[in-house]
Structures are given as structure tokens and as C-alpha cells.
């Protein structure tokens, strides 16, 4: 049985780059690696509905924290069996976003300027939904790519400027939400939400030292 490793972080934090570097290193060391990213746009109907939520195309559902979180969770529920199969066939399964994204962003959306880390009950609601009810595999370890929100936002804007398909969604365009999400991620990592975590803080030039394992 392989290990389920998850990369978490803000939009524009560099998760895809980190995933590629880790995959290259592990494969060079002789390990078998499989990867998956969430949401699974173009693969899961629930992920495509998530995209509509993020761009405000589902009416008042786009304003519902719990409604959006349910769609994110249903995308992962549909992928749970595939993840289990990958774990049977590989040494490492590497996920770009997973359950903790739902916990961090949902908690942050329920917050505001005067309550930046409100709804500490929300991560438990997410855990009960995705782990207990939907039976999604529990991560063995999570990596938090703790890129400063301002840098992550700059990268997301640059990406959007050069690719019409990557236009900023409502989460990415909300700087205050991104700040609250970063703070919530730090809280989840400190509390060991779902697993042990390793926090990776980029250097001034944006580079990140890979974990030693």
C-alpha cells in the first residue's frame, strides 16, 4: 500500500511546480508515483459545477459556503475508489489539493474582517462529510506550501493575463479571503488536521527546499 501525500496552499502558491519537482525526485529514487489534482475539471460533473460556482454562474448557490463545499466533496467522493486503486499500485499517490482545501476555504468564507478565523466547527463538518460519510482515503501526510498571499495573488493575476482560460475566479479575486485562507491553513497545519503536516516556506526568490523524505 502506497502513501497518500497532499499538497495544499493558496491559488498561485506554486503547488503544480512543487508536485512536478517531488515526482521527479521520487521517480529518480526508484519509487512509483501517481498524481491527481482537484477539482477535476472536465472529468467530474461535480467539478464542473464547482467551476460554475467559482464564476458566479449558479445563482445564490454561489453564495452558499456549505453548498459549494458539498460540490467539492462530491468530486472527491467520485474519485475515492480511483485513489484507493492508485495506492495499491504505487509507492506514492500525490494530490494537488484535497480535503483540507475545503476546510480552509470554507472556514475563511465564513469569516470576515472582524473574525478572521471564525467557524472552527467547519473543518470538523468537512471531516465528518468527506471521511466518515463519503469514505475518502485519509492522507498520510500533508505539505502546506506557505507562499505569502501577496506573492500568490501576483502569480494568479499573471497567469490569468496570459491565459483566458485561467481568468481569476471569485475566490482568487478576493484578497481578504486569500489572507484568511492562508491563516486558516496555518491553523489546520498546526493542529495536525487529518494527518501530520510539513510547512514549506518559499525563500525570497520563490524557491522551496524539498522535504528530505
N, C-alpha and C. Protein backbone atom coordinates (compact mmCIF):
# COMPACT_ATOMS: atom_id res chain seq x y z
N UNK A 1 0.83 -1.19 0.00
CA UNK A 1 0.00 0.00 0.00
C UNK A 1 0.87 1.25 0.00
N UNK A 2 0.58 2.17 -0.92
CA UNK A 2 1.37 3.39 -1.02
C UNK A 2 0.96 4.42 0.02
N UNK A 3 1.70 5.52 0.03
CA UNK A 3 1.43 6.65 0.92
C UNK A 3 0.67 7.72 0.16
N UNK A 4 -0.33 8.30 0.82
CA UNK A 4 -1.13 9.37 0.22
C UNK A 4 -0.59 10.71 0.73
N UNK A 5 0.05 11.46 -0.17
CA UNK A 5 0.66 12.74 0.16
C UNK A 5 -0.13 13.84 -0.53
N UNK A 6 -0.42 14.91 0.20
CA UNK A 6 -1.24 16.01 -0.32
C UNK A 6 -0.46 17.31 -0.26
N UNK A 7 -0.55 18.10 -1.33
CA UNK A 7 -0.01 19.46 -1.33
C UNK A 7 -1.17 20.43 -1.21
N UNK A 8 -1.09 21.30 -0.23
CA UNK A 8 -2.11 22.33 -0.01
C UNK A 8 -1.47 23.71 -0.10
N UNK A 9 -2.29 24.71 -0.38
CA UNK A 9 -1.80 26.08 -0.46
C UNK A 9 -2.76 26.94 -1.26
N UNK A 10 -2.49 28.24 -1.26
CA UNK A 10 -3.33 29.19 -1.96
C UNK A 10 -3.24 29.02 -3.47
N UNK A 11 -4.22 29.58 -4.18
CA UNK A 11 -4.13 29.67 -5.63
C UNK A 11 -2.92 30.51 -5.99
N UNK A 12 -2.06 30.00 -6.87
CA UNK A 12 -0.86 30.72 -7.25
C UNK A 12 0.31 30.49 -6.32
N UNK A 13 0.18 29.56 -5.39
CA UNK A 13 1.26 29.32 -4.42
C UNK A 13 2.41 28.50 -5.00
N UNK A 14 2.17 27.82 -6.13
CA UNK A 14 3.21 27.01 -6.74
C UNK A 14 3.04 25.52 -6.52
N UNK A 15 1.82 25.07 -6.27
CA UNK A 15 1.58 23.67 -5.96
C UNK A 15 1.95 22.75 -7.13
N UNK A 16 1.59 23.14 -8.35
CA UNK A 16 1.88 22.29 -9.51
C UNK A 16 3.38 22.15 -9.71
N UNK A 17 4.12 23.23 -9.53
CA UNK A 17 5.58 23.18 -9.67
C UNK A 17 6.18 22.27 -8.61
N UNK A 18 5.71 22.40 -7.37
CA UNK A 18 6.21 21.55 -6.29
C UNK A 18 5.89 20.09 -6.58
N UNK A 19 4.67 19.82 -7.06
CA UNK A 19 4.29 18.44 -7.37
C UNK A 19 5.21 17.84 -8.43
N UNK A 20 5.55 18.63 -9.45
CA UNK A 20 6.42 18.14 -10.51
C UNK A 20 7.83 17.85 -9.97
N UNK A 21 8.34 18.72 -9.11
CA UNK A 21 9.68 18.51 -8.55
C UNK A 21 9.72 17.27 -7.66
N UNK A 22 8.70 17.10 -6.83
CA UNK A 22 8.66 15.93 -5.95
C UNK A 22 8.55 14.64 -6.77
N UNK A 23 7.68 14.66 -7.77
CA UNK A 23 7.51 13.48 -8.61
C UNK A 23 8.81 13.10 -9.29
N UNK A 24 9.52 14.09 -9.82
CA UNK A 24 10.80 13.82 -10.49
C UNK A 24 11.80 13.22 -9.51
N UNK A 25 11.88 13.76 -8.31
CA UNK A 25 12.85 13.26 -7.34
C UNK A 25 12.50 11.84 -6.90
N UNK A 26 11.24 11.61 -6.60
CA UNK A 26 10.85 10.27 -6.14
C UNK A 26 11.05 9.22 -7.22
N UNK A 27 10.71 9.56 -8.45
CA UNK A 27 10.90 8.59 -9.54
C UNK A 27 12.37 8.33 -9.79
N UNK A 28 13.21 9.36 -9.64
CA UNK A 28 14.65 9.17 -9.80
C UNK A 28 15.21 8.24 -8.73
N UNK A 29 14.52 8.21 -7.56
CA UNK A 29 14.93 7.33 -6.47
C UNK A 29 14.33 5.93 -6.60
N UNK A 30 13.60 5.68 -7.70
CA UNK A 30 13.06 4.36 -7.96
C UNK A 30 11.67 4.11 -7.42
N UNK A 31 11.01 5.16 -6.94
CA UNK A 31 9.65 5.00 -6.43
C UNK A 31 8.63 5.20 -7.55
N UNK A 32 7.53 4.47 -7.44
CA UNK A 32 6.43 4.67 -8.38
C UNK A 32 5.50 5.74 -7.81
N UNK A 33 5.08 6.67 -8.67
CA UNK A 33 4.29 7.82 -8.23
C UNK A 33 3.10 8.00 -9.17
N UNK A 34 1.93 8.19 -8.59
CA UNK A 34 0.73 8.58 -9.34
C UNK A 34 0.24 9.91 -8.78
N UNK A 35 -0.39 10.71 -9.63
CA UNK A 35 -0.80 12.05 -9.21
C UNK A 35 -2.22 12.35 -9.66
N UNK A 36 -2.85 13.27 -8.93
CA UNK A 36 -4.20 13.73 -9.25
C UNK A 36 -4.35 15.14 -8.70
N UNK A 37 -5.13 15.96 -9.40
CA UNK A 37 -5.40 17.32 -8.95
C UNK A 37 -6.90 17.52 -8.77
N UNK A 38 -7.26 18.30 -7.78
CA UNK A 38 -8.65 18.68 -7.54
C UNK A 38 -8.79 20.19 -7.62
N UNK A 39 -9.96 20.66 -8.11
CA UNK A 39 -11.09 19.94 -8.69
C UNK A 39 -10.72 19.31 -10.03
N UNK A 40 -11.43 18.24 -10.39
CA UNK A 40 -11.12 17.50 -11.62
C UNK A 40 -11.97 18.05 -12.77
N UNK A 41 -11.67 19.27 -13.20
CA UNK A 41 -12.43 19.90 -14.27
C UNK A 41 -12.40 19.06 -15.54
N UNK A 42 -13.56 18.95 -16.19
CA UNK A 42 -13.65 18.18 -17.42
C UNK A 42 -13.73 16.69 -17.22
N UNK A 43 -13.61 16.24 -15.98
CA UNK A 43 -13.68 14.80 -15.67
C UNK A 43 -14.92 14.49 -14.83
N UNK A 44 -15.17 15.32 -13.84
CA UNK A 44 -16.27 15.11 -12.90
C UNK A 44 -17.34 16.19 -13.10
N UNK A 45 -18.60 15.77 -13.19
CA UNK A 45 -19.68 16.75 -13.30
C UNK A 45 -19.71 17.66 -12.08
N UNK A 46 -19.36 17.11 -10.92
CA UNK A 46 -19.35 17.93 -9.72
C UNK A 46 -18.26 19.00 -9.78
N UNK A 47 -17.11 18.65 -10.34
CA UNK A 47 -16.04 19.64 -10.51
C UNK A 47 -16.47 20.73 -11.48
N UNK A 48 -17.17 20.37 -12.54
CA UNK A 48 -17.62 21.38 -13.49
C UNK A 48 -18.67 22.29 -12.86
N UNK A 49 -19.49 21.75 -11.98
CA UNK A 49 -20.43 22.59 -11.23
C UNK A 49 -19.67 23.51 -10.27
N UNK A 50 -18.57 23.00 -9.68
CA UNK A 50 -17.72 23.84 -8.84
C UNK A 50 -17.23 25.04 -9.63
N UNK A 51 -16.80 24.81 -10.87
CA UNK A 51 -16.32 25.92 -11.70
C UNK A 51 -17.42 26.96 -11.88
N UNK A 52 -18.65 26.50 -12.11
CA UNK A 52 -19.76 27.43 -12.25
C UNK A 52 -19.97 28.23 -10.96
N UNK A 53 -19.83 27.57 -9.82
CA UNK A 53 -19.94 28.27 -8.54
C UNK A 53 -18.85 29.34 -8.43
N UNK A 54 -17.62 28.98 -8.77
CA UNK A 54 -16.49 29.91 -8.62
C UNK A 54 -16.59 31.11 -9.54
N UNK A 55 -17.34 30.98 -10.62
CA UNK A 55 -17.52 32.11 -11.54
C UNK A 55 -18.92 32.72 -11.43
N UNK A 56 -19.64 32.38 -10.35
CA UNK A 56 -20.93 33.01 -10.08
C UNK A 56 -22.03 32.68 -11.05
N UNK A 57 -21.98 31.47 -11.63
CA UNK A 57 -22.97 31.10 -12.65
C UNK A 57 -24.08 30.21 -12.12
N UNK A 58 -24.17 30.01 -10.82
CA UNK A 58 -25.22 29.15 -10.26
C UNK A 58 -26.10 29.91 -9.28
N UNK A 59 -26.35 31.18 -9.57
CA UNK A 59 -27.26 31.96 -8.75
C UNK A 59 -26.83 32.03 -7.30
N UNK A 60 -27.80 31.88 -6.39
CA UNK A 60 -27.47 32.03 -4.98
C UNK A 60 -26.69 30.84 -4.42
N UNK A 61 -26.58 29.74 -5.19
CA UNK A 61 -25.73 28.64 -4.74
C UNK A 61 -24.28 29.09 -4.63
N UNK A 62 -23.88 30.04 -5.47
CA UNK A 62 -22.51 30.54 -5.42
C UNK A 62 -22.21 31.25 -4.11
N UNK A 63 -23.25 31.70 -3.41
CA UNK A 63 -23.05 32.38 -2.13
C UNK A 63 -23.04 31.41 -0.96
N UNK A 64 -23.42 30.17 -1.20
CA UNK A 64 -23.55 29.20 -0.11
C UNK A 64 -22.22 28.52 0.17
N UNK A 65 -21.70 28.70 1.36
CA UNK A 65 -20.44 28.06 1.74
C UNK A 65 -20.63 26.54 1.80
N UNK A 66 -21.70 26.10 2.42
CA UNK A 66 -21.92 24.66 2.57
C UNK A 66 -22.28 24.01 1.24
N UNK A 67 -23.04 24.70 0.39
CA UNK A 67 -23.38 24.15 -0.91
C UNK A 67 -22.15 23.95 -1.78
N UNK A 68 -21.28 24.96 -1.83
CA UNK A 68 -20.04 24.84 -2.61
C UNK A 68 -19.15 23.74 -2.04
N UNK A 69 -19.05 23.68 -0.71
CA UNK A 69 -18.21 22.66 -0.07
C UNK A 69 -18.72 21.26 -0.40
N UNK A 70 -20.02 21.10 -0.48
CA UNK A 70 -20.58 19.79 -0.83
C UNK A 70 -20.19 19.38 -2.24
N UNK A 71 -20.21 20.33 -3.19
CA UNK A 71 -19.81 20.00 -4.55
C UNK A 71 -18.33 19.62 -4.61
N UNK A 72 -17.47 20.37 -3.92
CA UNK A 72 -16.06 20.00 -3.85
C UNK A 72 -15.91 18.57 -3.30
N UNK A 73 -16.67 18.27 -2.24
CA UNK A 73 -16.57 16.96 -1.60
C UNK A 73 -17.07 15.85 -2.51
N UNK A 74 -18.14 16.10 -3.26
CA UNK A 74 -18.68 15.08 -4.17
C UNK A 74 -17.69 14.75 -5.28
N UNK A 75 -16.93 15.73 -5.72
CA UNK A 75 -15.87 15.46 -6.71
C UNK A 75 -14.87 14.46 -6.14
N UNK A 76 -14.47 14.65 -4.90
CA UNK A 76 -13.51 13.73 -4.27
C UNK A 76 -14.13 12.37 -3.97
N UNK A 77 -15.40 12.37 -3.57
CA UNK A 77 -16.06 11.08 -3.33
C UNK A 77 -16.05 10.23 -4.60
N UNK A 78 -16.31 10.87 -5.74
CA UNK A 78 -16.32 10.13 -7.01
C UNK A 78 -14.94 9.60 -7.37
N UNK A 79 -13.88 10.24 -6.85
CA UNK A 79 -12.51 9.82 -7.16
C UNK A 79 -11.94 8.87 -6.12
N UNK A 80 -12.67 8.61 -5.03
CA UNK A 80 -12.11 7.86 -3.90
C UNK A 80 -11.65 6.47 -4.30
N UNK A 81 -12.44 5.77 -5.09
CA UNK A 81 -12.06 4.41 -5.48
C UNK A 81 -10.82 4.43 -6.37
N UNK A 82 -10.74 5.40 -7.26
CA UNK A 82 -9.55 5.52 -8.10
C UNK A 82 -8.31 5.80 -7.26
N UNK A 83 -8.44 6.64 -6.25
CA UNK A 83 -7.31 6.92 -5.36
C UNK A 83 -6.88 5.64 -4.64
N UNK A 84 -7.84 4.88 -4.14
CA UNK A 84 -7.50 3.62 -3.46
C UNK A 84 -6.79 2.66 -4.41
N UNK A 85 -7.25 2.59 -5.66
CA UNK A 85 -6.59 1.72 -6.63
C UNK A 85 -5.16 2.19 -6.90
N UNK A 86 -4.96 3.51 -7.00
CA UNK A 86 -3.61 4.03 -7.23
C UNK A 86 -2.71 3.72 -6.04
N UNK A 87 -3.26 3.76 -4.84
CA UNK A 87 -2.46 3.44 -3.66
C UNK A 87 -2.04 1.98 -3.66
N UNK A 88 -2.86 1.12 -4.22
CA UNK A 88 -2.49 -0.30 -4.30
C UNK A 88 -1.36 -0.54 -5.29
N UNK A 89 -1.24 0.33 -6.32
CA UNK A 89 -0.30 0.09 -7.40
C UNK A 89 0.96 0.93 -7.33
N UNK A 90 1.03 1.89 -6.41
CA UNK A 90 2.15 2.84 -6.39
C UNK A 90 2.70 3.03 -4.98
N UNK A 91 3.95 3.47 -4.94
CA UNK A 91 4.57 3.78 -3.65
C UNK A 91 4.00 5.07 -3.07
N UNK A 92 3.72 6.05 -3.95
CA UNK A 92 3.22 7.35 -3.51
C UNK A 92 2.10 7.80 -4.44
N UNK A 93 1.04 8.31 -3.84
CA UNK A 93 -0.01 9.00 -4.60
C UNK A 93 0.02 10.45 -4.13
N UNK A 94 0.25 11.36 -5.07
CA UNK A 94 0.42 12.77 -4.76
C UNK A 94 -0.79 13.55 -5.26
N UNK A 95 -1.46 14.24 -4.34
CA UNK A 95 -2.65 15.01 -4.68
C UNK A 95 -2.38 16.50 -4.58
N UNK A 96 -2.78 17.24 -5.60
CA UNK A 96 -2.75 18.70 -5.60
C UNK A 96 -4.14 19.15 -5.14
N UNK A 97 -4.25 19.53 -3.89
CA UNK A 97 -5.49 19.86 -3.17
C UNK A 97 -6.24 18.59 -2.77
N UNK A 98 -6.87 18.69 -1.59
CA UNK A 98 -7.69 17.57 -1.12
C UNK A 98 -8.65 18.12 -0.06
N UNK A 99 -8.93 17.37 0.94
CA UNK A 99 -9.98 17.71 1.89
C UNK A 99 -9.68 19.00 2.65
N UNK A 100 -8.43 19.23 3.00
CA UNK A 100 -8.09 20.41 3.79
C UNK A 100 -8.35 21.71 3.04
N UNK A 101 -8.35 21.68 1.71
CA UNK A 101 -8.72 22.87 0.95
C UNK A 101 -10.15 23.27 1.26
N UNK A 102 -11.02 22.28 1.33
CA UNK A 102 -12.42 22.55 1.65
C UNK A 102 -12.54 23.17 3.04
N UNK A 103 -11.80 22.61 3.99
CA UNK A 103 -11.85 23.11 5.36
C UNK A 103 -11.33 24.54 5.45
N UNK A 104 -10.20 24.81 4.77
CA UNK A 104 -9.57 26.13 4.87
C UNK A 104 -10.40 27.21 4.18
N UNK A 105 -10.79 26.96 2.94
CA UNK A 105 -11.52 27.98 2.20
C UNK A 105 -12.91 28.20 2.77
N UNK A 106 -13.60 27.11 3.15
CA UNK A 106 -14.93 27.27 3.73
C UNK A 106 -14.90 28.05 5.03
N UNK A 107 -13.95 27.73 5.90
CA UNK A 107 -13.80 28.47 7.16
C UNK A 107 -13.52 29.93 6.89
N UNK A 108 -12.66 30.20 5.91
CA UNK A 108 -12.31 31.58 5.57
C UNK A 108 -13.51 32.33 5.00
N UNK A 109 -14.33 31.66 4.19
CA UNK A 109 -15.51 32.31 3.63
C UNK A 109 -16.52 32.65 4.72
N UNK A 110 -16.56 31.87 5.77
CA UNK A 110 -17.47 32.16 6.87
C UNK A 110 -16.92 33.24 7.79
N UNK A 111 -15.70 33.69 7.53
CA UNK A 111 -15.08 34.72 8.34
C UNK A 111 -15.36 36.10 7.80
N UNK A 112 -14.58 37.06 8.27
CA UNK A 112 -14.74 38.44 7.85
C UNK A 112 -13.69 39.28 8.53
N UNK A 113 -13.66 40.58 8.24
CA UNK A 113 -12.61 41.45 8.79
C UNK A 113 -12.51 41.42 10.31
N UNK A 114 -13.64 41.23 10.98
CA UNK A 114 -13.62 41.26 12.44
C UNK A 114 -13.50 39.87 13.06
N UNK A 115 -13.52 38.84 12.23
CA UNK A 115 -13.43 37.47 12.75
C UNK A 115 -12.65 36.63 11.75
N UNK A 116 -11.34 36.85 11.64
CA UNK A 116 -10.58 36.24 10.55
C UNK A 116 -10.51 34.73 10.56
N UNK A 117 -10.74 34.10 11.70
CA UNK A 117 -10.66 32.64 11.74
C UNK A 117 -11.92 32.04 12.36
N UNK A 118 -13.07 32.56 11.96
CA UNK A 118 -14.31 32.07 12.53
C UNK A 118 -14.60 30.66 12.05
N UNK A 119 -15.62 30.06 12.65
CA UNK A 119 -16.12 28.74 12.30
C UNK A 119 -15.05 27.67 12.37
N UNK A 120 -14.51 27.51 13.54
CA UNK A 120 -13.61 26.38 13.75
C UNK A 120 -14.38 25.06 13.77
N UNK A 121 -15.72 25.14 13.76
CA UNK A 121 -16.52 23.94 13.63
C UNK A 121 -16.56 23.44 12.18
N UNK A 122 -16.30 24.33 11.23
CA UNK A 122 -16.44 23.95 9.82
C UNK A 122 -15.46 22.85 9.41
N UNK A 123 -14.18 22.88 9.79
CA UNK A 123 -13.30 21.77 9.43
C UNK A 123 -13.79 20.42 9.93
N UNK A 124 -14.42 20.39 11.10
CA UNK A 124 -14.95 19.12 11.60
C UNK A 124 -16.14 18.67 10.77
N UNK A 125 -16.97 19.63 10.32
CA UNK A 125 -18.08 19.28 9.42
C UNK A 125 -17.54 18.68 8.12
N UNK A 126 -16.48 19.27 7.58
CA UNK A 126 -15.87 18.75 6.36
C UNK A 126 -15.31 17.35 6.61
N UNK A 127 -14.60 17.16 7.72
CA UNK A 127 -14.04 15.84 8.03
C UNK A 127 -15.13 14.79 8.13
N UNK A 128 -16.20 15.11 8.84
CA UNK A 128 -17.29 14.15 9.01
C UNK A 128 -17.95 13.81 7.67
N UNK A 129 -18.08 14.82 6.80
CA UNK A 129 -18.69 14.59 5.49
C UNK A 129 -17.78 13.74 4.60
N UNK A 130 -16.54 14.15 4.46
CA UNK A 130 -15.67 13.53 3.45
C UNK A 130 -15.04 12.23 3.92
N UNK A 131 -14.66 12.16 5.19
CA UNK A 131 -14.02 10.94 5.71
C UNK A 131 -15.06 9.96 6.21
N UNK A 132 -15.91 10.39 7.13
CA UNK A 132 -16.86 9.46 7.75
C UNK A 132 -17.98 9.06 6.79
N UNK A 133 -18.59 10.04 6.12
CA UNK A 133 -19.77 9.74 5.31
C UNK A 133 -19.40 9.25 3.91
N UNK A 134 -18.42 9.91 3.26
CA UNK A 134 -18.09 9.57 1.88
C UNK A 134 -16.96 8.54 1.79
N UNK A 135 -16.26 8.28 2.88
CA UNK A 135 -15.24 7.24 2.89
C UNK A 135 -14.02 7.53 2.06
N UNK A 136 -13.67 8.81 1.94
CA UNK A 136 -12.47 9.16 1.16
C UNK A 136 -11.21 8.76 1.94
N UNK A 137 -10.17 8.33 1.25
CA UNK A 137 -8.94 7.93 1.95
C UNK A 137 -8.36 9.07 2.77
N UNK A 138 -7.84 8.73 3.93
CA UNK A 138 -7.22 9.72 4.81
C UNK A 138 -5.78 9.94 4.38
N UNK A 139 -5.34 11.19 4.24
CA UNK A 139 -3.95 11.42 3.84
C UNK A 139 -2.96 10.92 4.89
N UNK A 140 -1.81 10.45 4.43
CA UNK A 140 -0.73 10.06 5.34
C UNK A 140 0.09 11.26 5.77
N UNK A 141 0.21 12.24 4.88
CA UNK A 141 0.98 13.44 5.20
C UNK A 141 0.51 14.56 4.29
N UNK A 142 0.54 15.79 4.83
CA UNK A 142 0.16 16.95 4.04
C UNK A 142 1.28 17.98 4.04
N UNK A 143 1.51 18.57 2.88
CA UNK A 143 2.51 19.62 2.72
C UNK A 143 1.79 20.94 2.51
N UNK A 144 2.06 21.91 3.35
CA UNK A 144 1.50 23.24 3.18
C UNK A 144 2.54 24.13 2.53
N UNK A 145 2.26 24.57 1.31
CA UNK A 145 3.14 25.49 0.62
C UNK A 145 2.73 26.90 1.05
N UNK A 146 3.45 27.43 2.02
CA UNK A 146 3.05 28.67 2.70
C UNK A 146 3.59 29.90 1.97
N UNK A 147 3.22 30.03 0.71
CA UNK A 147 3.59 31.20 -0.08
C UNK A 147 2.83 32.42 0.43
N UNK A 148 3.48 33.57 0.63
CA UNK A 148 2.76 34.76 1.09
C UNK A 148 1.59 35.09 0.17
N UNK A 149 0.43 35.45 0.73
CA UNK A 149 -0.74 35.71 -0.11
C UNK A 149 -0.51 36.73 -1.22
N UNK A 150 0.28 37.79 -0.96
CA UNK A 150 0.51 38.81 -1.99
C UNK A 150 1.26 38.21 -3.18
N UNK A 151 2.26 37.36 -2.91
CA UNK A 151 3.02 36.72 -3.99
C UNK A 151 2.14 35.75 -4.76
N UNK A 152 1.35 34.96 -4.04
CA UNK A 152 0.45 34.02 -4.70
C UNK A 152 -0.55 34.76 -5.59
N UNK A 153 -1.07 35.89 -5.10
CA UNK A 153 -2.03 36.67 -5.88
C UNK A 153 -1.38 37.24 -7.14
N UNK A 154 -0.15 37.71 -7.02
CA UNK A 154 0.56 38.22 -8.20
C UNK A 154 0.71 37.13 -9.25
N UNK A 155 1.06 35.93 -8.81
CA UNK A 155 1.22 34.82 -9.76
C UNK A 155 -0.12 34.48 -10.42
N UNK A 156 -1.20 34.45 -9.63
CA UNK A 156 -2.51 34.13 -10.18
C UNK A 156 -2.94 35.19 -11.20
N UNK A 157 -2.67 36.46 -10.91
CA UNK A 157 -3.03 37.52 -11.87
C UNK A 157 -2.19 37.40 -13.14
N UNK A 158 -0.90 37.10 -12.98
CA UNK A 158 -0.06 36.93 -14.15
C UNK A 158 -0.51 35.78 -15.02
N UNK A 159 -0.90 34.70 -14.37
CA UNK A 159 -1.40 33.52 -15.09
C UNK A 159 -2.66 33.87 -15.87
N UNK A 160 -3.56 34.61 -15.23
CA UNK A 160 -4.82 34.99 -15.87
C UNK A 160 -4.59 35.93 -17.05
N UNK A 161 -3.59 36.81 -16.93
CA UNK A 161 -3.32 37.77 -18.00
C UNK A 161 -2.83 37.10 -19.28
N UNK A 162 -2.22 35.93 -19.15
CA UNK A 162 -1.65 35.24 -20.31
C UNK A 162 -2.48 34.04 -20.77
N UNK A 163 -3.58 33.77 -20.07
CA UNK A 163 -4.40 32.61 -20.42
C UNK A 163 -5.85 32.91 -20.10
N UNK A 164 -6.65 33.12 -21.15
CA UNK A 164 -8.06 33.46 -20.93
C UNK A 164 -8.80 32.38 -20.16
N UNK A 165 -8.33 31.15 -20.28
CA UNK A 165 -8.99 30.04 -19.59
C UNK A 165 -8.70 30.06 -18.09
N UNK A 166 -7.73 30.90 -17.65
CA UNK A 166 -7.37 30.95 -16.24
C UNK A 166 -7.77 32.29 -15.61
N UNK A 167 -8.84 32.89 -16.11
CA UNK A 167 -9.34 34.13 -15.53
C UNK A 167 -9.58 33.94 -14.04
N UNK A 168 -9.32 34.98 -13.25
CA UNK A 168 -9.49 34.87 -11.81
C UNK A 168 -10.93 34.54 -11.46
N UNK A 169 -11.11 33.53 -10.59
CA UNK A 169 -12.45 33.24 -10.11
C UNK A 169 -12.74 34.11 -8.88
N UNK A 170 -13.95 33.94 -8.32
CA UNK A 170 -14.34 34.82 -7.21
C UNK A 170 -13.49 34.61 -5.97
N UNK A 171 -12.96 33.41 -5.76
CA UNK A 171 -12.07 33.17 -4.62
C UNK A 171 -10.73 33.86 -4.85
N UNK A 172 -10.17 33.68 -6.04
CA UNK A 172 -8.86 34.23 -6.34
C UNK A 172 -8.86 35.76 -6.33
N UNK A 173 -9.98 36.35 -6.75
CA UNK A 173 -10.06 37.80 -6.85
C UNK A 173 -10.28 38.49 -5.50
N UNK A 174 -10.56 37.74 -4.46
CA UNK A 174 -10.86 38.29 -3.13
C UNK A 174 -9.61 38.21 -2.26
N UNK A 175 -8.87 39.33 -2.20
CA UNK A 175 -7.60 39.34 -1.46
C UNK A 175 -7.82 39.05 0.02
N UNK A 176 -8.88 39.59 0.61
CA UNK A 176 -9.14 39.36 2.03
C UNK A 176 -9.43 37.89 2.29
N UNK A 177 -10.15 37.25 1.38
CA UNK A 177 -10.43 35.82 1.52
C UNK A 177 -9.14 35.02 1.47
N UNK A 178 -8.24 35.37 0.55
CA UNK A 178 -6.99 34.65 0.44
C UNK A 178 -6.15 34.80 1.72
N UNK A 179 -6.16 36.00 2.31
CA UNK A 179 -5.44 36.22 3.57
C UNK A 179 -6.02 35.33 4.67
N UNK A 180 -7.35 35.29 4.78
CA UNK A 180 -7.97 34.47 5.81
C UNK A 180 -7.72 32.98 5.57
N UNK A 181 -7.71 32.59 4.30
CA UNK A 181 -7.46 31.18 3.98
C UNK A 181 -6.04 30.79 4.36
N UNK A 182 -5.07 31.66 4.07
CA UNK A 182 -3.69 31.38 4.46
C UNK A 182 -3.58 31.20 5.96
N UNK A 183 -4.25 32.06 6.72
CA UNK A 183 -4.21 31.94 8.17
C UNK A 183 -4.89 30.66 8.64
N UNK A 184 -5.97 30.27 7.97
CA UNK A 184 -6.67 29.04 8.35
C UNK A 184 -5.83 27.82 8.02
N UNK A 185 -5.15 27.83 6.88
CA UNK A 185 -4.25 26.74 6.54
C UNK A 185 -3.19 26.56 7.64
N UNK A 186 -2.61 27.68 8.09
CA UNK A 186 -1.60 27.60 9.14
C UNK A 186 -2.17 27.00 10.41
N UNK A 187 -3.42 27.34 10.72
CA UNK A 187 -4.05 26.79 11.91
C UNK A 187 -4.29 25.29 11.76
N UNK A 188 -4.76 24.87 10.59
CA UNK A 188 -5.00 23.45 10.37
C UNK A 188 -3.71 22.65 10.45
N UNK A 189 -2.64 23.19 9.85
CA UNK A 189 -1.35 22.50 9.90
C UNK A 189 -0.85 22.39 11.33
N UNK A 190 -0.98 23.48 12.10
CA UNK A 190 -0.54 23.46 13.49
C UNK A 190 -1.31 22.49 14.35
N UNK A 191 -2.58 22.27 14.00
CA UNK A 191 -3.43 21.36 14.76
C UNK A 191 -3.31 19.92 14.29
N UNK A 192 -2.57 19.67 13.20
CA UNK A 192 -2.45 18.32 12.68
C UNK A 192 -3.77 17.80 12.12
N UNK A 193 -4.50 18.66 11.42
CA UNK A 193 -5.80 18.29 10.86
C UNK A 193 -5.65 17.14 9.86
N UNK A 194 -6.26 16.02 10.14
CA UNK A 194 -6.30 14.80 9.34
C UNK A 194 -5.00 14.01 9.31
N UNK A 195 -3.84 14.67 9.51
CA UNK A 195 -2.55 13.98 9.43
C UNK A 195 -1.48 14.90 9.97
N UNK A 196 -0.24 14.41 9.99
CA UNK A 196 0.89 15.30 10.22
C UNK A 196 1.09 16.18 8.98
N UNK A 197 1.66 17.38 9.21
CA UNK A 197 1.92 18.32 8.14
C UNK A 197 3.39 18.72 8.15
N UNK A 198 3.89 19.11 6.98
CA UNK A 198 5.16 19.81 6.84
C UNK A 198 4.87 21.14 6.17
N UNK A 199 5.30 22.23 6.78
CA UNK A 199 5.09 23.57 6.23
C UNK A 199 6.34 23.97 5.46
N UNK A 200 6.18 24.28 4.18
CA UNK A 200 7.27 24.70 3.31
C UNK A 200 7.12 26.19 3.01
N UNK A 201 8.08 26.97 3.45
CA UNK A 201 8.03 28.42 3.25
C UNK A 201 9.01 28.81 2.16
N UNK A 202 8.53 29.41 1.07
CA UNK A 202 9.44 29.79 -0.01
C UNK A 202 10.46 30.83 0.43
N UNK A 203 11.66 30.77 -0.17
CA UNK A 203 12.68 31.79 0.04
C UNK A 203 12.27 33.07 -0.70
N UNK A 204 13.05 34.12 -0.54
CA UNK A 204 12.74 35.41 -1.15
C UNK A 204 12.63 35.31 -2.67
N UNK A 205 13.39 34.39 -3.26
CA UNK A 205 13.34 34.24 -4.72
C UNK A 205 12.25 33.27 -5.18
N UNK A 206 11.44 32.80 -4.23
CA UNK A 206 10.33 31.92 -4.57
C UNK A 206 10.65 30.45 -4.56
N UNK A 207 11.92 30.08 -4.38
CA UNK A 207 12.29 28.67 -4.37
C UNK A 207 11.91 28.01 -3.03
N UNK A 208 11.73 26.71 -3.09
CA UNK A 208 11.32 25.95 -1.90
C UNK A 208 12.24 24.75 -1.74
N UNK A 209 12.73 24.55 -0.53
CA UNK A 209 13.52 23.35 -0.24
C UNK A 209 12.58 22.16 -0.09
N UNK A 210 12.87 21.10 -0.81
CA UNK A 210 12.02 19.91 -0.76
C UNK A 210 12.22 19.18 0.57
N UNK A 211 11.15 18.53 1.08
CA UNK A 211 11.33 17.72 2.30
C UNK A 211 12.33 16.60 2.05
N UNK A 212 12.98 16.16 3.10
CA UNK A 212 14.08 15.19 2.96
C UNK A 212 13.61 13.78 2.68
N UNK A 213 12.35 13.45 2.97
CA UNK A 213 11.91 12.08 2.79
C UNK A 213 11.44 11.82 1.36
